[in-house]
């Protein structure tokens, strides 16, 4: 069934994403966890044994550490836990470094995933996506950090169970009851964990989207009358979000409470069973004290395992919610692939063909020419592995950064190359008029530049990346006829690769290219 197929595809994507998320940070993260785990386990195991030996020395019984000096044993008991605190403080700096790297990794991997897929205009693009994306990414990072918080507790608890097993197997078996109960509950209630987290995120997104829409269109809401309805609508959405978040948090706390209380109940059973043994001399006071001390840490085991499993389910819910970023298209549209690197444009008879590796100019005409250009770019970018394909839209999107950065896009600055491209795109005189020259900030989406300047910066960006195939949506858009003629002579006619473009009739006739009706 289609649903099963989509589920399998999503699982494959998740596995692929998890591998990508941990690339280059896995070894560092494992080292941070290992240092914490080894220090944590050694310190508290040693401290518990030291406590037992102190009472055994007082009772005149054998000791485990082979030390019969109370002063030394007390010193060990006091000093060893300090080791974990010192290491934890030092390690915390590395944890922050790992957290920062993980946060960057997760976000950049998702951005790269989106950029790697075919063009998909249907993806969500409203203002709420930013918050949404940030929250879901943070869930993934918190899942990785959960290993740092829980693995040392799990390893310490397992080590304690091994020590307890050698002292008294019955006590060790009773101690496993809370862990088994918690894992069972998380397994049984897994769907509700997933559902509550999903609903919580969904309602948060709706509230954020509502606010974005409100603040971007305040004037409209001011003029529609009956403004109370706007507030009521917002209140209803907030109430829905509150309900889902409260359920998520209550469920979270409930599982922790059950695991903690079941651990205390198991401890009470063990201590009650231990009393007769202790009265008969089979179970020493030192062992009794050690069991009580160890059980404070053993109580972490069900909670730690439960938290890891629960966090994994919540993170899967976050990735499910991020599905809109992972949508794929088939790369087909008005342009379809045929016979290797040949492409057919349009439908019906008289199809024009061209080879994408040739040098020259292909001009697309017709109502759907811009759509065809975008789809053709998607196909070429995927299929022409040895060619760099660059797309320049009719309205280039600029960042709120310097003109220099918007053209170079982070590549190394080559003065000769930059100057040559500025000359070709008729930007030299414009740059001279800017007080900061190439360091002039373009503003949000290039609002500090004119439409013609933004267009030429977009073309300059494409040329700076040394494209083999340049997809250009309208050279003459937003520029005067003299500038358009200049761009034709210095950009199109001098370009060493293939130009596929949408162009106005008046100029397309002057170009020696293949005109294709779309």
Foldseek 3Di string as FASTA:
>chain_A
DVVVVVVVVLVVVVVVLVVQLCPPLVVLLVVLLVLLQVLLQVLLVLLLLLLLQLQCLVVVHDGDVPDNDNVVSVCSNPVSVVSSVVSCVVSVVSVVVSLVSSLVRNLVSLVVLLVVFADDPPFDDFPLVVVLSNVLSVLVSVLSCLCSVQVSLQSNLVVVLVVVCVLPVVLSVLLCVLQVVLVVVCVVCVVVLLVLLLQLSVLVSVLSRLVSVCVVPVVVCVPPPPNVVSVVVSVVSVVSNVVSVVSNVVVLVVSVVSLLVSLVVSLVVSLVVCVVCCVVVNADPSNSSSSVSSSVSNSCNNVSVSVSSSSVSSSSSSSVVVVSSNDHDPLDDQWDDDDQQWIWGHDDPDTDIDGQFAAFEEEEDDPCRLVVLSSVLSVCPVRVVVFFEEEQALQHFAAQFFLLCRQQVPDDDDPVLLVLLCVQQVNPVVLVPDPVRRRDGLPHRSPNDARSVRSSSSLSSVVNVVGQEYEYEELPRRHDPVSSVSNCVRPRVPRGHYYYYYYDPVCVVVGPHHYGYD
